[in-house]
Amino acid sequence: MGGYEAIIGEIRRRGEDAIDVGEATAKVELGEAAGGIAAAMPGSAETPGEAEQLSEHWEGVLRDLGRRVSSYGDDMVRAAERYEEEDEPAAENLRLHTPGPGGPV
């Protein structure tokens, strides 16, 4: 059962990694990049507003993606916890029903 425990630990670690990546992704701000677009096209009446809309759109996309990745990570961590909770009783059941030396063959 030791190898199985390592897999459970790996599921948990990867879930925690996904949570971290999701949180970082959700915090990405694109306002600076949008300001650069407007500055690169001086005199354009449309560019500043469109650049701001683009920035807001992509920030929303990244927030949503970040939430989804974090949620997936949460699911992985919960799955690892469930595996642990269910694995220990199963292992104990096997120990109880495994014949020892001198037991049934």
PDB file of N, CA and C in Angstrom:
ATOM      1  N   MET A   1       0.810  -1.203   0.000  1.00  0.00           N
ATOM      2  CA  MET A   1       0.000   0.000   0.000  1.00  0.00           C
ATOM      3  C   MET A   1       0.854   1.268   0.000  1.00  0.00           C
ATOM      4  N   GLY A   2       2.136   1.166   0.302  1.00  0.00           N
ATOM      5  CA  GLY A   2       2.996   2.343   0.368  1.00  0.00           C
ATOM      6  C   GLY A   2       3.039   3.125  -0.926  1.00  0.00           C
ATOM      7  N   GLY A   3       3.113   2.441  -2.072  1.00  0.00           N
ATOM      8  CA  GLY A   3       3.130   3.134  -3.359  1.00  0.00           C
ATOM      9  C   GLY A   3       1.848   3.897  -3.605  1.00  0.00           C
ATOM     10  N   TYR A   4       0.746   3.343  -3.151  1.00  0.00           N
ATOM     11  CA  TYR A   4      -0.545   4.003  -3.319  1.00  0.00           C
ATOM     12  C   TYR A   4      -0.597   5.288  -2.514  1.00  0.00           C
ATOM     13  N   GLU A   5      -0.017   5.277  -1.327  1.00  0.00           N
ATOM     14  CA  GLU A   5       0.031   6.481  -0.501  1.00  0.00           C
ATOM     15  C   GLU A   5       0.812   7.589  -1.199  1.00  0.00           C
ATOM     16  N   ALA A   6       1.897   7.227  -1.881  1.00  0.00           N
ATOM     17  CA  ALA A   6       2.691   8.231  -2.596  1.00  0.00           C
ATOM     18  C   ALA A   6       1.873   8.866  -3.704  1.00  0.00           C
ATOM     19  N   ILE A   7       1.033   8.083  -4.341  1.00  0.00           N
ATOM     20  CA  ILE A   7       0.177   8.617  -5.398  1.00  0.00           C
ATOM     21  C   ILE A   7      -0.826   9.600  -4.798  1.00  0.00           C
ATOM     22  N   ILE A   8      -1.392   9.243  -3.669  1.00  0.00           N
ATOM     23  CA  ILE A   8      -2.340  10.143  -3.004  1.00  0.00           C
ATOM     24  C   ILE A   8      -1.647  11.461  -2.662  1.00  0.00           C
ATOM     25  N   GLY A   9      -0.449  11.365  -2.142  1.00  0.00           N
ATOM     26  CA  GLY A   9       0.303  12.581  -1.821  1.00  0.00           C
ATOM     27  C   GLY A   9       0.581  13.413  -3.058  1.00  0.00           C
ATOM     28  N   GLU A  10       0.844  12.750  -4.165  1.00  0.00           N
ATOM     29  CA  GLU A  10       1.112  13.456  -5.421  1.00  0.00           C
ATOM     30  C   GLU A  10      -0.156  14.148  -5.925  1.00  0.00           C
ATOM     31  N   ILE A  11      -1.292  13.490  -5.795  1.00  0.00           N
ATOM     32  CA  ILE A  11      -2.565  14.116  -6.185  1.00  0.00           C
ATOM     33  C   ILE A  11      -2.770  15.391  -5.371  1.00  0.00           C
ATOM     34  N   ARG A  12      -2.530  15.295  -4.079  1.00  0.00           N
ATOM     35  CA  ARG A  12      -2.698  16.467  -3.207  1.00  0.00           C
ATOM     36  C   ARG A  12      -1.741  17.590  -3.620  1.00  0.00           C
ATOM     37  N   ARG A  13      -0.471  17.246  -3.840  1.00  0.00           N
ATOM     38  CA  ARG A  13       0.515  18.276  -4.219  1.00  0.00           C
ATOM     39  C   ARG A  13       0.145  18.941  -5.536  1.00  0.00           C
ATOM     40  N   ARG A  14      -0.272  18.170  -6.507  1.00  0.00           N
ATOM     41  CA  ARG A  14      -0.643  18.746  -7.808  1.00  0.00           C
ATOM     42  C   ARG A  14      -1.901  19.604  -7.668  1.00  0.00           C
ATOM     43  N   GLY A  15      -2.818  19.196  -6.810  1.00  0.00           N
ATOM     44  CA  GLY A  15      -3.993  20.020  -6.548  1.00  0.00           C
ATOM     45  C   GLY A  15      -3.612  21.349  -5.919  1.00  0.00           C
ATOM     46  N   GLU A  16      -2.696  21.297  -4.954  1.00  0.00           N
ATOM     47  CA  GLU A  16      -2.226  22.534  -4.317  1.00  0.00           C
ATOM     48  C   GLU A  16      -1.507  23.424  -5.326  1.00  0.00           C
ATOM     49  N   ASP A  17      -0.725  22.808  -6.215  1.00  0.00           N
ATOM     50  CA  ASP A  17      -0.060  23.582  -7.275  1.00  0.00           C
ATOM     51  C   ASP A  17      -1.088  24.269  -8.172  1.00  0.00           C
ATOM     52  N   ALA A  18      -2.142  23.541  -8.524  1.00  0.00           N
ATOM     53  CA  ALA A  18      -3.184  24.112  -9.388  1.00  0.00           C
ATOM     54  C   ALA A  18      -3.871  25.287  -8.696  1.00  0.00           C
ATOM     55  N   ILE A  19      -4.108  25.161  -7.397  1.00  0.00           N
ATOM     56  CA  ILE A  19      -4.712  26.267  -6.645  1.00  0.00           C
ATOM     57  C   ILE A  19      -3.805  27.497  -6.717  1.00  0.00           C
ATOM     58  N   ASP A  20      -2.506  27.300  -6.490  1.00  0.00           N
ATOM     59  CA  ASP A  20      -1.556  28.421  -6.543  1.00  0.00           C
ATOM     60  C   ASP A  20      -1.535  29.075  -7.922  1.00  0.00           C
ATOM     61  N   VAL A  21      -1.484  28.258  -8.972  1.00  0.00           N
ATOM     62  CA  VAL A  21      -1.456  28.792 -10.340  1.00  0.00           C
ATOM     63  C   VAL A  21      -2.752  29.535 -10.645  1.00  0.00           C
ATOM     64  N   GLY A  22      -3.875  28.969 -10.233  1.00  0.00           N
ATOM     65  CA  GLY A  22      -5.158  29.626 -10.471  1.00  0.00           C
ATOM     66  C   GLY A  22      -5.244  30.973  -9.784  1.00  0.00           C
ATOM     67  N   GLU A  23      -4.779  31.023  -8.533  1.00  0.00           N
ATOM     68  CA  GLU A  23      -4.811  32.292  -7.803  1.00  0.00           C
ATOM     69  C   GLU A  23      -3.909  33.331  -8.464  1.00  0.00           C
ATOM     70  N   ALA A  24      -2.738  32.917  -8.912  1.00  0.00           N
ATOM     71  CA  ALA A  24      -1.817  33.846  -9.579  1.00  0.00           C
ATOM     72  C   ALA A  24      -2.397  34.325 -10.908  1.00  0.00           C
ATOM     73  N   THR A  25      -3.009  33.425 -11.643  1.00  0.00           N
ATOM     74  CA  THR A  25      -3.603  33.780 -12.938  1.00  0.00           C
ATOM     75  C   THR A  25      -4.721  34.799 -12.758  1.00  0.00           C
ATOM     76  N   ALA A  26      -5.535  34.607 -11.737  1.00  0.00           N
ATOM     77  CA  ALA A  26      -6.663  35.510 -11.498  1.00  0.00           C
ATOM     78  C   ALA A  26      -6.209  36.923 -11.140  1.00  0.00           C
ATOM     79  N   LYS A  27      -4.973  37.077 -10.692  1.00  0.00           N
ATOM     80  CA  LYS A  27      -4.463  38.389 -10.275  1.00  0.00           C
ATOM     81  C   LYS A  27      -3.771  39.168 -11.388  1.00  0.00           C
ATOM     82  N   VAL A  28      -3.603  38.560 -12.551  1.00  0.00           N
ATOM     83  CA  VAL A  28      -2.903  39.238 -13.646  1.00  0.00           C
ATOM     84  C   VAL A  28      -3.707  40.461 -14.067  1.00  0.00           C
ATOM     85  N   GLU A  29      -3.044  41.607 -14.133  1.00  0.00           N
ATOM     86  CA  GLU A  29      -3.692  42.850 -14.548  1.00  0.00           C
ATOM     87  C   GLU A  29      -3.098  43.294 -15.877  1.00  0.00           C
ATOM     88  N   LEU A  30      -3.959  43.610 -16.807  1.00  0.00           N
ATOM     89  CA  LEU A  30      -3.503  43.986 -18.140  1.00  0.00           C
ATOM     90  C   LEU A  30      -3.654  45.472 -18.419  1.00  0.00           C
ATOM     91  N   GLY A  31      -4.009  46.259 -17.423  1.00  0.00           N
ATOM     92  CA  GLY A  31      -4.210  47.687 -17.620  1.00  0.00           C
ATOM     93  C   GLY A  31      -2.989  48.398 -18.172  1.00  0.00           C
ATOM     94  N   GLU A  32      -1.819  48.054 -17.692  1.00  0.00           N
ATOM     95  CA  GLU A  32      -0.580  48.676 -18.178  1.00  0.00           C
ATOM     96  C   GLU A  32      -0.389  48.416 -19.668  1.00  0.00           C
ATOM     97  N   ALA A  33      -0.637  47.189 -20.087  1.00  0.00           N
ATOM     98  CA  ALA A  33      -0.471  46.851 -21.508  1.00  0.00           C
ATOM     99  C   ALA A  33      -1.465  47.637 -22.353  1.00  0.00           C
ATOM    100  N   ALA A  34      -2.680  47.789 -21.871  1.00  0.00           N
ATOM    101  CA  ALA A  34      -3.683  48.542 -22.625  1.00  0.00           C
ATOM    102  C   ALA A  34      -3.285  50.006 -22.737  1.00  0.00           C
ATOM    103  N   GLY A  35      -2.725  50.556 -21.667  1.00  0.00           N
ATOM    104  CA  GLY A  35      -2.247  51.935 -21.724  1.00  0.00           C
ATOM    105  C   GLY A  35      -1.157  52.094 -22.763  1.00  0.00           C
ATOM    106  N   GLY A  36      -0.341  51.092 -22.918  1.00  0.00           N
ATOM    107  CA  GLY A  36       0.713  51.116 -23.919  1.00  0.00           C
ATOM    108  C   GLY A  36       0.167  51.127 -25.332  1.00  0.00           C
ATOM    109  N   ILE A  37      -0.948  50.445 -25.549  1.00  0.00           N
ATOM    110  CA  ILE A  37      -1.562  50.428 -26.886  1.00  0.00           C
ATOM    111  C   ILE A  37      -2.012  51.835 -27.256  1.00  0.00           C
ATOM    112  N   ALA A  38      -2.690  52.493 -26.327  1.00  0.00           N
ATOM    113  CA  ALA A  38      -3.180  53.844 -26.599  1.00  0.00           C
ATOM    114  C   ALA A  38      -2.017  54.806 -26.847  1.00  0.00           C
ATOM    115  N   ALA A  39      -0.950  54.673 -26.075  1.00  0.00           N
ATOM    116  CA  ALA A  39       0.207  55.553 -26.249  1.00  0.00           C
ATOM    117  C   ALA A  39       0.915  55.302 -27.575  1.00  0.00           C
ATOM    118  N   ALA A  40       0.825  54.080 -28.075  1.00  0.00           N
ATOM    119  CA  ALA A  40       1.488  53.740 -29.338  1.00  0.00           C
ATOM    120  C   ALA A  40       0.741  54.291 -30.546  1.00  0.00           C
ATOM    121  N   MET A  41      -0.501  54.732 -30.341  1.00  0.00           N
ATOM    122  CA  MET A  41      -1.301  55.253 -31.457  1.00  0.00           C
ATOM    123  C   MET A  41      -1.873  56.621 -31.098  1.00  0.00           C
ATOM    124  N   PRO A  42      -1.006  57.611 -30.861  1.00  0.00           N
ATOM    125  CA  PRO A  42      -1.493  58.935 -30.463  1.00  0.00           C
ATOM    126  C   PRO A  42      -2.398  59.530 -31.544  1.00  0.00           C
ATOM    127  N   GLY A  43      -3.412  60.214 -31.092  1.00  0.00           N
ATOM    128  CA  GLY A  43      -4.322  60.870 -32.018  1.00  0.00           C
ATOM    129  C   GLY A  43      -5.499  60.008 -32.426  1.00  0.00           C
ATOM    130  N   SER A  44      -5.461  58.726 -32.135  1.00  0.00           N
ATOM    131  CA  SER A  44      -6.576  57.850 -32.499  1.00  0.00           C
ATOM    132  C   SER A  44      -7.715  58.066 -31.511  1.00  0.00           C
ATOM    133  N   ALA A  45      -8.886  58.347 -32.040  1.00  0.00           N
ATOM    134  CA  ALA A  45     -10.043  58.580 -31.179  1.00  0.00           C
ATOM    135  C   ALA A  45     -10.577  57.278 -30.595  1.00  0.00           C
ATOM    136  N   GLU A  46     -10.446  56.179 -31.307  1.00  0.00           N
ATOM    137  CA  GLU A  46     -11.019  54.903 -30.894  1.00  0.00           C
ATOM    138  C   GLU A  46     -10.101  54.092 -29.982  1.00  0.00           C
ATOM    139  N   THR A  47      -8.809  54.194 -30.184  1.00  0.00           N
ATOM    140  CA  THR A  47      -7.859  53.291 -29.533  1.00  0.00           C
ATOM    141  C   THR A  47      -7.928  53.293 -28.010  1.00  0.00           C
ATOM    142  N   PRO A  48      -7.954  54.449 -27.326  1.00  0.00           N
ATOM    143  CA  PRO A  48      -7.965  54.384 -25.858  1.00  0.00           C
ATOM    144  C   PRO A  48      -9.157  53.604 -25.300  1.00  0.00           C
ATOM    145  N   GLY A  49     -10.340  53.853 -25.802  1.00  0.00           N
ATOM    146  CA  GLY A  49     -11.524  53.141 -25.308  1.00  0.00           C
ATOM    147  C   GLY A  49     -11.487  51.664 -25.640  1.00  0.00           C
ATOM    148  N   GLU A  50     -11.069  51.348 -26.858  1.00  0.00           N
ATOM    149  CA  GLU A  50     -10.994  49.944 -27.264  1.00  0.00           C
ATOM    150  C   GLU A  50      -9.913  49.205 -26.488  1.00  0.00           C
ATOM    151  N   ALA A  51      -8.808  49.888 -26.239  1.00  0.00           N
ATOM    152  CA  ALA A  51      -7.735  49.263 -25.468  1.00  0.00           C
ATOM    153  C   ALA A  51      -8.210  48.952 -24.055  1.00  0.00           C
ATOM    154  N   GLU A  52      -8.953  49.868 -23.472  1.00  0.00           N
ATOM    155  CA  GLU A  52      -9.492  49.648 -22.127  1.00  0.00           C
ATOM    156  C   GLU A  52     -10.482  48.485 -22.127  1.00  0.00           C
ATOM    157  N   GLN A  53     -11.351  48.428 -23.131  1.00  0.00           N
ATOM    158  CA  GLN A  53     -12.301  47.314 -23.236  1.00  0.00           C
ATOM    159  C   GLN A  53     -11.572  45.984 -23.394  1.00  0.00           C
ATOM    160  N   LEU A  54     -10.536  45.976 -24.216  1.00  0.00           N
ATOM    161  CA  LEU A  54      -9.751  44.761 -24.413  1.00  0.00           C
ATOM    162  C   LEU A  54      -9.110  44.324 -23.096  1.00  0.00           C
ATOM    163  N   SER A  55      -8.544  45.281 -22.386  1.00  0.00           N
ATOM    164  CA  SER A  55      -7.920  44.980 -21.102  1.00  0.00           C
ATOM    165  C   SER A  55      -8.934  44.388 -20.127  1.00  0.00           C
ATOM    166  N   GLU A  56     -10.097  45.020 -20.019  1.00  0.00           N
ATOM    167  CA  GLU A  56     -11.135  44.532 -19.108  1.00  0.00           C
ATOM    168  C   GLU A  56     -11.603  43.139 -19.509  1.00  0.00           C
ATOM    169  N   HIS A  57     -11.752  42.918 -20.810  1.00  0.00           N
ATOM    170  CA  HIS A  57     -12.187  41.601 -21.289  1.00  0.00           C
ATOM    171  C   HIS A  57     -11.180  40.524 -20.891  1.00  0.00           C
ATOM    172  N   TRP A  58      -9.902  40.758 -21.186  1.00  0.00           N
ATOM    173  CA  TRP A  58      -8.897  39.745 -20.898  1.00  0.00           C
ATOM    174  C   TRP A  58      -8.676  39.566 -19.407  1.00  0.00           C
ATOM    175  N   GLU A  59      -8.807  40.619 -18.625  1.00  0.00           N
ATOM    176  CA  GLU A  59      -8.710  40.456 -17.177  1.00  0.00           C
ATOM    177  C   GLU A  59      -9.852  39.576 -16.677  1.00  0.00           C
ATOM    178  N   GLY A  60     -11.048  39.762 -17.238  1.00  0.00           N
ATOM    179  CA  GLY A  60     -12.182  38.903 -16.882  1.00  0.00           C
ATOM    180  C   GLY A  60     -11.944  37.454 -17.282  1.00  0.00           C
ATOM    181  N   VAL A  61     -11.397  37.262 -18.474  1.00  0.00           N
ATOM    182  CA  VAL A  61     -11.083  35.903 -18.937  1.00  0.00           C
ATOM    183  C   VAL A  61     -10.076  35.250 -17.989  1.00  0.00           C
ATOM    184  N   LEU A  62      -9.034  35.998 -17.611  1.00  0.00           N
ATOM    185  CA  LEU A  62      -8.015  35.438 -16.723  1.00  0.00           C
ATOM    186  C   LEU A  62      -8.556  35.176 -15.318  1.00  0.00           C
ATOM    187  N   ARG A  63      -9.420  36.061 -14.809  1.00  0.00           N
ATOM    188  CA  ARG A  63     -10.036  35.813 -13.498  1.00  0.00           C
ATOM    189  C   ARG A  63     -10.857  34.530 -13.541  1.00  0.00           C
ATOM    190  N   ASP A  64     -11.648  34.368 -14.610  1.00  0.00           N
ATOM    191  CA  ASP A  64     -12.473  33.167 -14.745  1.00  0.00           C
ATOM    192  C   ASP A  64     -11.600  31.920 -14.860  1.00  0.00           C
ATOM    193  N   LEU A  65     -10.576  31.988 -15.694  1.00  0.00           N
ATOM    194  CA  LEU A  65      -9.662  30.857 -15.844  1.00  0.00           C
ATOM    195  C   LEU A  65      -8.999  30.532 -14.508  1.00  0.00           C
ATOM    196  N   GLY A  66      -8.549  31.556 -13.811  1.00  0.00           N
ATOM    197  CA  GLY A  66      -7.917  31.347 -12.510  1.00  0.00           C
ATOM    198  C   GLY A  66      -8.853  30.673 -11.524  1.00  0.00           C
ATOM    199  N   ARG A  67     -10.104  31.118 -11.488  1.00  0.00           N
ATOM    200  CA  ARG A  67     -11.087  30.492 -10.596  1.00  0.00           C
ATOM    201  C   ARG A  67     -11.303  29.028 -10.966  1.00  0.00           C
ATOM    202  N   ARG A  68     -11.385  28.756 -12.261  1.00  0.00           N
ATOM    203  CA  ARG A  68     -11.608  27.373 -12.702  1.00  0.00           C
ATOM    204  C   ARG A  68     -10.424  26.475 -12.361  1.00  0.00           C
ATOM    205  N   VAL A  69      -9.222  26.965 -12.576  1.00  0.00           N
ATOM    206  CA  VAL A  69      -8.027  26.171 -12.257  1.00  0.00           C
ATOM    207  C   VAL A  69      -7.953  25.930 -10.749  1.00  0.00           C
ATOM    208  N   SER A  70      -8.223  26.962  -9.956  1.00  0.00           N
ATOM    209  CA  SER A  70      -8.218  26.804  -8.501  1.00  0.00           C
ATOM    210  C   SER A  70      -9.288  25.818  -8.054  1.00  0.00           C
ATOM    211  N   SER A  71     -10.452  25.883  -8.659  1.00  0.00           N
ATOM    212  CA  SER A  71     -11.535  24.957  -8.328  1.00  0.00           C
ATOM    213  C   SER A  71     -11.138  23.518  -8.648  1.00  0.00           C
ATOM    214  N   TYR A  72     -10.484  23.332  -9.787  1.00  0.00           N
ATOM    215  CA  TYR A  72      -9.996  22.005 -10.158  1.00  0.00           C
ATOM    216  C   TYR A  72      -8.975  21.523  -9.128  1.00  0.00           C
ATOM    217  N   GLY A  73      -8.099  22.415  -8.700  1.00  0.00           N
ATOM    218  CA  GLY A  73      -7.126  22.066  -7.667  1.00  0.00           C
ATOM    219  C   GLY A  73      -7.804  21.680  -6.361  1.00  0.00           C
ATOM    220  N   ASP A  74      -8.838  22.438  -5.972  1.00  0.00           N
ATOM    221  CA  ASP A  74      -9.606  22.093  -4.767  1.00  0.00           C
ATOM    222  C   ASP A  74     -10.191  20.692  -4.892  1.00  0.00           C
ATOM    223  N   ASP A  75     -10.740  20.379  -6.066  1.00  0.00           N
ATOM    224  CA  ASP A  75     -11.313  19.051  -6.297  1.00  0.00           C
ATOM    225  C   ASP A  75     -10.255  17.963  -6.156  1.00  0.00           C
ATOM    226  N   MET A  76      -9.052  18.230  -6.657  1.00  0.00           N
ATOM    227  CA  MET A  76      -7.972  17.241  -6.545  1.00  0.00           C
ATOM    228  C   MET A  76      -7.577  17.022  -5.087  1.00  0.00           C
ATOM    229  N   VAL A  77      -7.483  18.101  -4.324  1.00  0.00           N
ATOM    230  CA  VAL A  77      -7.130  17.980  -2.910  1.00  0.00           C
ATOM    231  C   VAL A  77      -8.212  17.199  -2.171  1.00  0.00           C
ATOM    232  N   ARG A  78      -9.483  17.512  -2.438  1.00  0.00           N
ATOM    233  CA  ARG A  78     -10.576  16.773  -1.797  1.00  0.00           C
ATOM    234  C   ARG A  78     -10.560  15.301  -2.201  1.00  0.00           C
ATOM    235  N   ALA A  79     -10.252  15.025  -3.463  1.00  0.00           N
ATOM    236  CA  ALA A  79     -10.178  13.634  -3.921  1.00  0.00           C
ATOM    237  C   ALA A  79      -9.075  12.893  -3.166  1.00  0.00           C
ATOM    238  N   ALA A  80      -7.937  13.535  -2.984  1.00  0.00           N
ATOM    239  CA  ALA A  80      -6.841  12.900  -2.241  1.00  0.00           C
ATOM    240  C   ALA A  80      -7.277  12.606  -0.808  1.00  0.00           C
ATOM    241  N   GLU A  81      -8.000  13.545  -0.199  1.00  0.00           N
ATOM    242  CA  GLU A  81      -8.488  13.328   1.167  1.00  0.00           C
ATOM    243  C   GLU A  81      -9.455  12.154   1.220  1.00  0.00           C
ATOM    244  N   ARG A  82     -10.345  12.065   0.224  1.00  0.00           N
ATOM    245  CA  ARG A  82     -11.290  10.940   0.185  1.00  0.00           C
ATOM    246  C   ARG A  82     -10.562   9.617  -0.015  1.00  0.00           C
ATOM    247  N   TYR A  83      -9.574   9.616  -0.905  1.00  0.00           N
ATOM    248  CA  TYR A  83      -8.794   8.389  -1.109  1.00  0.00           C
ATOM    249  C   TYR A  83      -8.164   7.941   0.204  1.00  0.00           C
ATOM    250  N   GLU A  84      -7.589   8.878   0.946  1.00  0.00           N
ATOM    251  CA  GLU A  84      -6.969   8.524   2.225  1.00  0.00           C
ATOM    252  C   GLU A  84      -7.993   7.967   3.194  1.00  0.00           C
ATOM    253  N   GLU A  85      -9.145   8.638   3.282  1.00  0.00           N
ATOM    254  CA  GLU A  85     -10.187   8.200   4.210  1.00  0.00           C
ATOM    255  C   GLU A  85     -10.691   6.803   3.866  1.00  0.00           C
ATOM    256  N   GLU A  86     -10.815   6.510   2.583  1.00  0.00           N
ATOM    257  CA  GLU A  86     -11.347   5.217   2.158  1.00  0.00           C
ATOM    258  C   GLU A  86     -10.262   4.149   2.098  1.00  0.00           C
ATOM    259  N   ASP A  87      -9.031   4.541   1.873  1.00  0.00           N
ATOM    260  CA  ASP A  87      -7.939   3.589   1.714  1.00  0.00           C
ATOM    261  C   ASP A  87      -7.569   2.935   3.036  1.00  0.00           C
ATOM    262  N   GLU A  88      -7.542   3.696   4.105  1.00  0.00           N
ATOM    263  CA  GLU A  88      -7.132   3.135   5.391  1.00  0.00           C
ATOM    264  C   GLU A  88      -8.091   2.039   5.862  1.00  0.00           C
ATOM    265  N   PRO A  89      -9.418   2.238   5.824  1.00  0.00           N
ATOM    266  CA  PRO A  89     -10.308   1.132   6.207  1.00  0.00           C
ATOM    267  C   PRO A  89     -10.143  -0.092   5.293  1.00  0.00           C
ATOM    268  N   ALA A  90      -9.916   0.150   4.014  1.00  0.00           N
ATOM    269  CA  ALA A  90      -9.731  -0.977   3.091  1.00  0.00           C
ATOM    270  C   ALA A  90      -8.462  -1.741   3.445  1.00  0.00           C
ATOM    271  N   ALA A  91      -7.390  -1.022   3.753  1.00  0.00           N
ATOM    272  CA  ALA A  91      -6.138  -1.680   4.129  1.00  0.00           C
ATOM    273  C   ALA A  91      -6.314  -2.462   5.431  1.00  0.00           C
ATOM    274  N   GLU A  92      -7.023  -1.881   6.386  1.00  0.00           N
ATOM    275  CA  GLU A  92      -7.274  -2.566   7.655  1.00  0.00           C
ATOM    276  C   GLU A  92      -8.099  -3.825   7.421  1.00  0.00           C
ATOM    277  N   ASN A  93      -9.085  -3.747   6.563  1.00  0.00           N
ATOM    278  CA  ASN A  93      -9.907  -4.907   6.236  1.00  0.00           C
ATOM    279  C   ASN A  93      -9.046  -6.021   5.641  1.00  0.00           C
ATOM    280  N   LEU A  94      -8.118  -5.659   4.776  1.00  0.00           N
ATOM    281  CA  LEU A  94      -7.217  -6.665   4.201  1.00  0.00           C
ATOM    282  C   LEU A  94      -6.336  -7.287   5.287  1.00  0.00           C
ATOM    283  N   ARG A  95      -5.850  -6.461   6.212  1.00  0.00           N
ATOM    284  CA  ARG A  95      -5.007  -7.000   7.289  1.00  0.00           C
ATOM    285  C   ARG A  95      -5.801  -7.972   8.156  1.00  0.00           C
ATOM    286  N   LEU A  96      -7.067  -7.669   8.416  1.00  0.00           N
ATOM    287  CA  LEU A  96      -7.899  -8.535   9.253  1.00  0.00           C
ATOM    288  C   LEU A  96      -8.182  -9.875   8.595  1.00  0.00           C
ATOM    289  N   HIS A  97      -8.239  -9.895   7.272  1.00  0.00           N
ATOM    290  CA  HIS A  97      -8.604 -11.114   6.554  1.00  0.00           C
ATOM    291  C   HIS A  97      -7.420 -11.819   5.907  1.00  0.00           C
ATOM    292  N   THR A  98      -6.217 -11.356   6.181  1.00  0.00           N
ATOM    293  CA  THR A  98      -5.032 -12.003   5.625  1.00  0.00           C
ATOM    294  C   THR A  98      -4.544 -13.037   6.626  1.00  0.00           C
ATOM    295  N   PRO A  99      -4.499 -14.291   6.205  1.00  0.00           N
ATOM    296  CA  PRO A  99      -4.048 -15.315   7.148  1.00  0.00           C
ATOM    297  C   PRO A  99      -2.577 -15.118   7.504  1.00  0.00           C
ATOM    298  N   GLY A 100      -2.281 -15.309   8.752  1.00  0.00           N
ATOM    299  CA  GLY A 100      -0.899 -15.219   9.203  1.00  0.00           C
ATOM    300  C   GLY A 100      -0.246 -16.591   9.179  1.00  0.00           C
ATOM    301  N   PRO A 101       0.973 -16.678   9.694  1.00  0.00           N
ATOM    302  CA  PRO A 101       1.637 -17.978   9.737  1.00  0.00           C
ATOM    303  C   PRO A 101       0.826 -18.950  10.601  1.00  0.00           C
ATOM    304  N   GLY A 102       0.598 -20.092  10.077  1.00  0.00           N
ATOM    305  CA  GLY A 102      -0.165 -21.105  10.800  1.00  0.00           C
ATOM    306  C   GLY A 102      -1.664 -20.941  10.648  1.00  0.00           C
ATOM    307  N   GLY A 103      -2.104 -19.889   9.911  1.00  0.00           N
ATOM    308  CA  GLY A 103      -3.539 -19.685   9.692  1.00  0.00           C
ATOM    309  C   GLY A 103      -4.015 -20.474   8.493  1.00  0.00           C
ATOM    310  N   PRO A 104      -5.244 -20.251   8.066  1.00  0.00           N
ATOM    311  CA  PRO A 104      -5.797 -20.980   6.925  1.00  0.00           C
ATOM    312  C   PRO A 104      -4.966 -20.758   5.670  1.00  0.00           C
ATOM    313  N   VAL A 105      -4.898 -21.768   4.858  1.00  0.00           N
ATOM    314  CA  VAL A 105      -4.143 -21.683   3.608  1.00  0.00           C
ATOM    315  C   VAL A 105      -5.089 -21.474   2.460  1.00  0.00           C
TER     316      VAL A 105
END
